[in-house]
């Protein structure tokens, strides 16, 4: 996911939404304690993607995290 800096956020959402939805449904049903770390990992990948895509976020991981939270 983080290597797809040629794609926009909407494109990533369209590509990975079904897979992530399936993971959430599975973990919510069978293994709820593992769901939070999974979602944290997905957010880290999105922050890494944003830092690779946008030069103004490249050296600012905290700013990239706040930017992602505002969009979410």
PDB file of N, CA and C in Angstrom:
ATOM      1  N   UNK A   1       0.822  -1.180   0.000  1.00  0.00           N
ATOM      2  CA  UNK A   1       0.000   0.000   0.000  1.00  0.00           C
ATOM      3  C   UNK A   1       0.876   1.259   0.000  1.00  0.00           C
ATOM      4  N   UNK A   2       1.887   1.298   0.838  1.00  0.00           N
ATOM      5  CA  UNK A   2       2.684   2.504   0.971  1.00  0.00           C
ATOM      6  C   UNK A   2       3.581   2.755  -0.238  1.00  0.00           C
ATOM      7  N   UNK A   3       3.729   1.784  -1.112  1.00  0.00           N
ATOM      8  CA  UNK A   3       4.553   1.978  -2.308  1.00  0.00           C
ATOM      9  C   UNK A   3       3.745   2.486  -3.495  1.00  0.00           C
ATOM     10  N   UNK A   4       2.471   2.680  -3.336  1.00  0.00           N
ATOM     11  CA  UNK A   4       1.593   3.137  -4.416  1.00  0.00           C
ATOM     12  C   UNK A   4       1.452   4.649  -4.372  1.00  0.00           C
ATOM     13  N   UNK A   5       2.557   5.359  -4.372  1.00  0.00           N
ATOM     14  CA  UNK A   5       2.486   6.820  -4.272  1.00  0.00           C
ATOM     15  C   UNK A   5       1.968   7.459  -5.555  1.00  0.00           C
ATOM     16  N   UNK A   6       1.818   6.678  -6.610  1.00  0.00           N
ATOM     17  CA  UNK A   6       1.245   7.219  -7.837  1.00  0.00           C
ATOM     18  C   UNK A   6      -0.280   7.294  -7.769  1.00  0.00           C
ATOM     19  N   UNK A   7      -0.878   6.641  -6.798  1.00  0.00           N
ATOM     20  CA  UNK A   7      -2.338   6.618  -6.634  1.00  0.00           C
ATOM     21  C   UNK A   7      -2.782   7.661  -5.618  1.00  0.00           C
ATOM     22  N   UNK A   8      -4.020   8.068  -5.741  1.00  0.00           N
ATOM     23  CA  UNK A   8      -4.611   8.988  -4.779  1.00  0.00           C
ATOM     24  C   UNK A   8      -5.253   8.210  -3.637  1.00  0.00           C
ATOM     25  N   UNK A   9      -5.693   8.921  -2.648  1.00  0.00           N
ATOM     26  CA  UNK A   9      -6.319   8.296  -1.485  1.00  0.00           C
ATOM     27  C   UNK A   9      -7.622   7.597  -1.871  1.00  0.00           C
ATOM     28  N   UNK A  10      -8.383   8.191  -2.783  1.00  0.00           N
ATOM     29  CA  UNK A  10      -9.617   7.555  -3.255  1.00  0.00           C
ATOM     30  C   UNK A  10      -9.317   6.251  -3.990  1.00  0.00           C
ATOM     31  N   UNK A  11      -8.246   6.247  -4.772  1.00  0.00           N
ATOM     32  CA  UNK A  11      -7.866   5.028  -5.492  1.00  0.00           C
ATOM     33  C   UNK A  11      -7.470   3.916  -4.525  1.00  0.00           C
ATOM     34  N   UNK A  12      -6.713   4.261  -3.499  1.00  0.00           N
ATOM     35  CA  UNK A  12      -6.332   3.262  -2.496  1.00  0.00           C
ATOM     36  C   UNK A  12      -7.552   2.713  -1.776  1.00  0.00           C
ATOM     37  N   UNK A  13      -8.470   3.603  -1.439  1.00  0.00           N
ATOM     38  CA  UNK A  13      -9.691   3.160  -0.754  1.00  0.00           C
ATOM     39  C   UNK A  13     -10.481   2.208  -1.641  1.00  0.00           C
ATOM     40  N   UNK A  14     -10.543   2.512  -2.918  1.00  0.00           N
ATOM     41  CA  UNK A  14     -11.278   1.653  -3.848  1.00  0.00           C
ATOM     42  C   UNK A  14     -10.586   0.298  -4.024  1.00  0.00           C
ATOM     43  N   UNK A  15      -9.259   0.299  -4.032  1.00  0.00           N
ATOM     44  CA  UNK A  15      -8.505  -0.939  -4.242  1.00  0.00           C
ATOM     45  C   UNK A  15      -8.560  -1.866  -3.030  1.00  0.00           C
ATOM     46  N   UNK A  16      -8.470  -1.302  -1.839  1.00  0.00           N
ATOM     47  CA  UNK A  16      -8.292  -2.126  -0.634  1.00  0.00           C
ATOM     48  C   UNK A  16      -9.514  -2.211   0.272  1.00  0.00           C
ATOM     49  N   UNK A  17     -10.600  -1.556  -0.063  1.00  0.00           N
ATOM     50  CA  UNK A  17     -11.758  -1.507   0.830  1.00  0.00           C
ATOM     51  C   UNK A  17     -12.352  -2.887   1.084  1.00  0.00           C
ATOM     52  N   UNK A  18     -12.483  -3.692   0.059  1.00  0.00           N
ATOM     53  CA  UNK A  18     -13.097  -5.017   0.232  1.00  0.00           C
ATOM     54  C   UNK A  18     -12.230  -5.914   1.110  1.00  0.00           C
ATOM     55  N   UNK A  19     -10.927  -5.846   0.926  1.00  0.00           N
ATOM     56  CA  UNK A  19     -10.014  -6.683   1.718  1.00  0.00           C
ATOM     57  C   UNK A  19     -10.056  -6.265   3.181  1.00  0.00           C
ATOM     58  N   UNK A  20      -9.971  -4.975   3.429  1.00  0.00           N
ATOM     59  CA  UNK A  20      -9.979  -4.486   4.809  1.00  0.00           C
ATOM     60  C   UNK A  20     -11.324  -4.747   5.465  1.00  0.00           C
ATOM     61  N   UNK A  21     -12.411  -4.613   4.721  1.00  0.00           N
ATOM     62  CA  UNK A  21     -13.736  -4.921   5.259  1.00  0.00           C
ATOM     63  C   UNK A  21     -13.824  -6.389   5.668  1.00  0.00           C
ATOM     64  N   UNK A  22     -13.256  -7.282   4.860  1.00  0.00           N
ATOM     65  CA  UNK A  22     -13.249  -8.699   5.201  1.00  0.00           C
ATOM     66  C   UNK A  22     -12.447  -8.979   6.456  1.00  0.00           C
ATOM     67  N   UNK A  23     -11.286  -8.335   6.597  1.00  0.00           N
ATOM     68  CA  UNK A  23     -10.478  -8.507   7.808  1.00  0.00           C
ATOM     69  C   UNK A  23     -11.251  -8.040   9.032  1.00  0.00           C
ATOM     70  N   UNK A  24     -11.908  -6.897   8.919  1.00  0.00           N
ATOM     71  CA  UNK A  24     -12.658  -6.358  10.058  1.00  0.00           C
ATOM     72  C   UNK A  24     -13.797  -7.297  10.438  1.00  0.00           C
ATOM     73  N   UNK A  25     -14.520  -7.823   9.465  1.00  0.00           N
ATOM     74  CA  UNK A  25     -15.609  -8.747   9.760  1.00  0.00           C
ATOM     75  C   UNK A  25     -15.095 -10.018  10.430  1.00  0.00           C
ATOM     76  N   UNK A  26     -13.973 -10.534   9.951  1.00  0.00           N
ATOM     77  CA  UNK A  26     -13.425 -11.752  10.534  1.00  0.00           C
ATOM     78  C   UNK A  26     -12.969 -11.511  11.970  1.00  0.00           C
ATOM     79  N   UNK A  27     -12.141 -10.476  12.151  1.00  0.00           N
ATOM     80  CA  UNK A  27     -11.590 -10.235  13.475  1.00  0.00           C
ATOM     81  C   UNK A  27     -12.659  -9.801  14.479  1.00  0.00           C
ATOM     82  N   UNK A  28     -13.675  -9.086  14.044  1.00  0.00           N
ATOM     83  CA  UNK A  28     -14.760  -8.714  14.960  1.00  0.00           C
ATOM     84  C   UNK A  28     -15.515  -9.942  15.448  1.00  0.00           C
ATOM     85  N   UNK A  29     -15.593 -10.932  14.613  1.00  0.00           N
ATOM     86  CA  UNK A  29     -16.366 -12.109  14.978  1.00  0.00           C
ATOM     87  C   UNK A  29     -15.558 -13.118  15.797  1.00  0.00           C
ATOM     88  N   UNK A  30     -14.286 -13.338  15.431  1.00  0.00           N
ATOM     89  CA  UNK A  30     -13.536 -14.426  16.042  1.00  0.00           C
ATOM     90  C   UNK A  30     -12.407 -13.989  16.962  1.00  0.00           C
ATOM     91  N   UNK A  31     -11.845 -12.813  16.754  1.00  0.00           N
ATOM     92  CA  UNK A  31     -10.644 -12.459  17.497  1.00  0.00           C
ATOM     93  C   UNK A  31     -10.604 -10.946  17.694  1.00  0.00           C
ATOM     94  N   UNK A  32     -11.487 -10.440  18.548  1.00  0.00           N
ATOM     95  CA  UNK A  32     -11.680  -9.004  18.703  1.00  0.00           C
ATOM     96  C   UNK A  32     -10.446  -8.279  19.233  1.00  0.00           C
ATOM     97  N   UNK A  33      -9.638  -8.939  20.032  1.00  0.00           N
ATOM     98  CA  UNK A  33      -8.469  -8.261  20.597  1.00  0.00           C
ATOM     99  C   UNK A  33      -7.404  -7.978  19.550  1.00  0.00           C
ATOM    100  N   UNK A  34      -7.430  -8.657  18.435  1.00  0.00           N
ATOM    101  CA  UNK A  34      -6.441  -8.430  17.381  1.00  0.00           C
ATOM    102  C   UNK A  34      -6.880  -7.358  16.393  1.00  0.00           C
ATOM    103  N   UNK A  35      -8.088  -6.867  16.503  1.00  0.00           N
ATOM    104  CA  UNK A  35      -8.595  -5.894  15.540  1.00  0.00           C
ATOM    105  C   UNK A  35      -7.899  -4.538  15.688  1.00  0.00           C
ATOM    106  N   UNK A  36      -7.729  -4.059  16.889  1.00  0.00           N
ATOM    107  CA  UNK A  36      -7.108  -2.752  17.088  1.00  0.00           C
ATOM    108  C   UNK A  36      -5.684  -2.702  16.546  1.00  0.00           C
ATOM    109  N   UNK A  37      -4.804  -3.664  16.848  1.00  0.00           N
ATOM    110  CA  UNK A  37      -3.465  -3.624  16.247  1.00  0.00           C
ATOM    111  C   UNK A  37      -3.480  -3.679  14.720  1.00  0.00           C
ATOM    112  N   UNK A  38      -4.439  -4.396  14.161  1.00  0.00           N
ATOM    113  CA  UNK A  38      -4.560  -4.453  12.708  1.00  0.00           C
ATOM    114  C   UNK A  38      -4.896  -3.086  12.134  1.00  0.00           C
ATOM    115  N   UNK A  39      -5.836  -2.388  12.741  1.00  0.00           N
ATOM    116  CA  UNK A  39      -6.219  -1.065  12.259  1.00  0.00           C
ATOM    117  C   UNK A  39      -5.095  -0.053  12.462  1.00  0.00           C
ATOM    118  N   UNK A  40      -4.355  -0.181  13.539  1.00  0.00           N
ATOM    119  CA  UNK A  40      -3.203   0.699  13.771  1.00  0.00           C
ATOM    120  C   UNK A  40      -2.157   0.480  12.682  1.00  0.00           C
ATOM    121  N   UNK A  41      -1.936  -0.769  12.308  1.00  0.00           N
ATOM    122  CA  UNK A  41      -0.963  -1.075  11.259  1.00  0.00           C
ATOM    123  C   UNK A  41      -1.406  -0.495   9.915  1.00  0.00           C
ATOM    124  N   UNK A  42      -2.694  -0.589   9.606  1.00  0.00           N
ATOM    125  CA  UNK A  42      -3.199  -0.016   8.358  1.00  0.00           C
ATOM    126  C   UNK A  42      -3.004   1.499   8.360  1.00  0.00           C
ATOM    127  N   UNK A  43      -3.260   2.148   9.488  1.00  0.00           N
ATOM    128  CA  UNK A  43      -3.049   3.598   9.575  1.00  0.00           C
ATOM    129  C   UNK A  43      -1.581   3.956   9.413  1.00  0.00           C
ATOM    130  N   UNK A  44      -0.683   3.146   9.947  1.00  0.00           N
ATOM    131  CA  UNK A  44       0.751   3.404   9.768  1.00  0.00           C
ATOM    132  C   UNK A  44       1.146   3.303   8.303  1.00  0.00           C
ATOM    133  N   UNK A  45       0.584   2.320   7.608  1.00  0.00           N
ATOM    134  CA  UNK A  45       0.860   2.208   6.179  1.00  0.00           C
ATOM    135  C   UNK A  45       0.333   3.426   5.427  1.00  0.00           C
ATOM    136  N   UNK A  46      -0.821   3.935   5.811  1.00  0.00           N
ATOM    137  CA  UNK A  46      -1.371   5.121   5.161  1.00  0.00           C
ATOM    138  C   UNK A  46      -0.523   6.363   5.445  1.00  0.00           C
ATOM    139  N   UNK A  47       0.002   6.472   6.657  1.00  0.00           N
ATOM    140  CA  UNK A  47       0.889   7.586   6.983  1.00  0.00           C
ATOM    141  C   UNK A  47       2.168   7.475   6.156  1.00  0.00           C
ATOM    142  N   UNK A  48       2.701   6.284   6.014  1.00  0.00           N
ATOM    143  CA  UNK A  48       3.896   6.086   5.201  1.00  0.00           C
ATOM    144  C   UNK A  48       3.615   6.420   3.736  1.00  0.00           C
ATOM    145  N   UNK A  49       2.428   6.050   3.253  1.00  0.00           N
ATOM    146  CA  UNK A  49       2.039   6.382   1.885  1.00  0.00           C
ATOM    147  C   UNK A  49       1.987   7.899   1.703  1.00  0.00           C
ATOM    148  N   UNK A  50       1.383   8.599   2.661  1.00  0.00           N
ATOM    149  CA  UNK A  50       1.259  10.054   2.565  1.00  0.00           C
ATOM    150  C   UNK A  50       2.634  10.712   2.591  1.00  0.00           C
ATOM    151  N   UNK A  51       3.537  10.191   3.386  1.00  0.00           N
ATOM    152  CA  UNK A  51       4.880  10.767   3.454  1.00  0.00           C
ATOM    153  C   UNK A  51       5.646  10.539   2.161  1.00  0.00           C
ATOM    154  N   UNK A  52       5.376   9.429   1.479  1.00  0.00           N
ATOM    155  CA  UNK A  52       6.028   9.190   0.191  1.00  0.00           C
ATOM    156  C   UNK A  52       5.390  10.000  -0.935  1.00  0.00           C
ATOM    157  N   UNK A  53       4.114  10.255  -0.839  1.00  0.00           N
ATOM    158  CA  UNK A  53       3.405  10.950  -1.918  1.00  0.00           C
ATOM    159  C   UNK A  53       3.595  12.463  -1.864  1.00  0.00           C
ATOM    160  N   UNK A  54       3.481  13.035  -0.689  1.00  0.00           N
ATOM    161  CA  UNK A  54       3.514  14.489  -0.553  1.00  0.00           C
ATOM    162  C   UNK A  54       4.842  14.937   0.055  1.00  0.00           C
ATOM    163  N   UNK A  55       5.521  15.817  -0.664  1.00  0.00           N
ATOM    164  CA  UNK A  55       6.830  16.284  -0.198  1.00  0.00           C
ATOM    165  C   UNK A  55       6.731  17.074   1.095  1.00  0.00           C
ATOM    166  N   UNK A  56       5.627  17.773   1.320  1.00  0.00           N
ATOM    167  CA  UNK A  56       5.502  18.586   2.524  1.00  0.00           C
ATOM    168  C   UNK A  56       5.288  17.740   3.774  1.00  0.00           C
ATOM    169  N   UNK A  57       5.042  16.439   3.616  1.00  0.00           N
ATOM    170  CA  UNK A  57       4.907  15.539   4.768  1.00  0.00           C
ATOM    171  C   UNK A  57       6.108  14.617   4.930  1.00  0.00           C
ATOM    172  N   UNK A  58       7.055  14.684   4.010  1.00  0.00           N
ATOM    173  CA  UNK A  58       8.141  13.702   3.962  1.00  0.00           C
ATOM    174  C   UNK A  58       8.932  13.625   5.260  1.00  0.00           C
ATOM    175  N   UNK A  59       9.270  14.736   5.837  1.00  0.00           N
ATOM    176  CA  UNK A  59      10.100  14.737   7.046  1.00  0.00           C
ATOM    177  C   UNK A  59       9.298  14.978   8.329  1.00  0.00           C
ATOM    178  N   UNK A  60       7.978  14.881   8.222  1.00  0.00           N
ATOM    179  CA  UNK A  60       7.124  15.212   9.368  1.00  0.00           C
ATOM    180  C   UNK A  60       6.123  14.088   9.640  1.00  0.00           C
ATOM    181  N   UNK A  61       6.526  13.044  10.353  1.00  0.00           N
ATOM    182  CA  UNK A  61       5.588  11.943  10.600  1.00  0.00           C
ATOM    183  C   UNK A  61       4.393  12.358  11.451  1.00  0.00           C
ATOM    184  N   UNK A  62       4.589  13.240  12.398  1.00  0.00           N
ATOM    185  CA  UNK A  62       3.471  13.668  13.234  1.00  0.00           C
ATOM    186  C   UNK A  62       2.473  14.486  12.422  1.00  0.00           C
ATOM    187  N   UNK A  63       2.979  15.334  11.549  1.00  0.00           N
ATOM    188  CA  UNK A  63       2.096  16.124  10.688  1.00  0.00           C
ATOM    189  C   UNK A  63       1.316  15.216   9.747  1.00  0.00           C
ATOM    190  N   UNK A  64       1.964  14.160   9.246  1.00  0.00           N
ATOM    191  CA  UNK A  64       1.279  13.207   8.369  1.00  0.00           C
ATOM    192  C   UNK A  64       0.182  12.465   9.130  1.00  0.00           C
ATOM    193  N   UNK A  65       0.433  12.130  10.381  1.00  0.00           N
ATOM    194  CA  UNK A  65      -0.570  11.462  11.202  1.00  0.00           C
ATOM    195  C   UNK A  65      -1.770  12.370  11.445  1.00  0.00           C
ATOM    196  N   UNK A  66      -1.510  13.638  11.756  1.00  0.00           N
ATOM    197  CA  UNK A  66      -2.604  14.580  11.983  1.00  0.00           C
ATOM    198  C   UNK A  66      -3.385  14.821  10.687  1.00  0.00           C
ATOM    199  N   UNK A  67      -2.695  14.880   9.563  1.00  0.00           N
ATOM    200  CA  UNK A  67      -3.360  15.068   8.280  1.00  0.00           C
ATOM    201  C   UNK A  67      -4.310  13.898   7.996  1.00  0.00           C
ATOM    202  N   UNK A  68      -3.843  12.681   8.269  1.00  0.00           N
ATOM    203  CA  UNK A  68      -4.684  11.505   8.049  1.00  0.00           C
ATOM    204  C   UNK A  68      -5.891  11.500   8.984  1.00  0.00           C
ATOM    205  N   UNK A  69      -5.716  11.914  10.218  1.00  0.00           N
ATOM    206  CA  UNK A  69      -6.843  11.989  11.161  1.00  0.00           C
ATOM    207  C   UNK A  69      -7.881  13.003  10.727  1.00  0.00           C
ATOM    208  N   UNK A  70      -7.418  14.147  10.178  1.00  0.00           N
ATOM    209  CA  UNK A  70      -8.369  15.155   9.706  1.00  0.00           C
ATOM    210  C   UNK A  70      -9.181  14.626   8.539  1.00  0.00           C
ATOM    211  N   UNK A  71      -8.548  13.864   7.652  1.00  0.00           N
ATOM    212  CA  UNK A  71      -9.263  13.315   6.515  1.00  0.00           C
ATOM    213  C   UNK A  71     -10.244  12.229   6.959  1.00  0.00           C
ATOM    214  N   UNK A  72      -9.833  11.418   7.915  1.00  0.00           N
ATOM    215  CA  UNK A  72     -10.704  10.331   8.373  1.00  0.00           C
ATOM    216  C   UNK A  72     -11.916  10.900   9.068  1.00  0.00           C
TER     217      UNK A  72
END
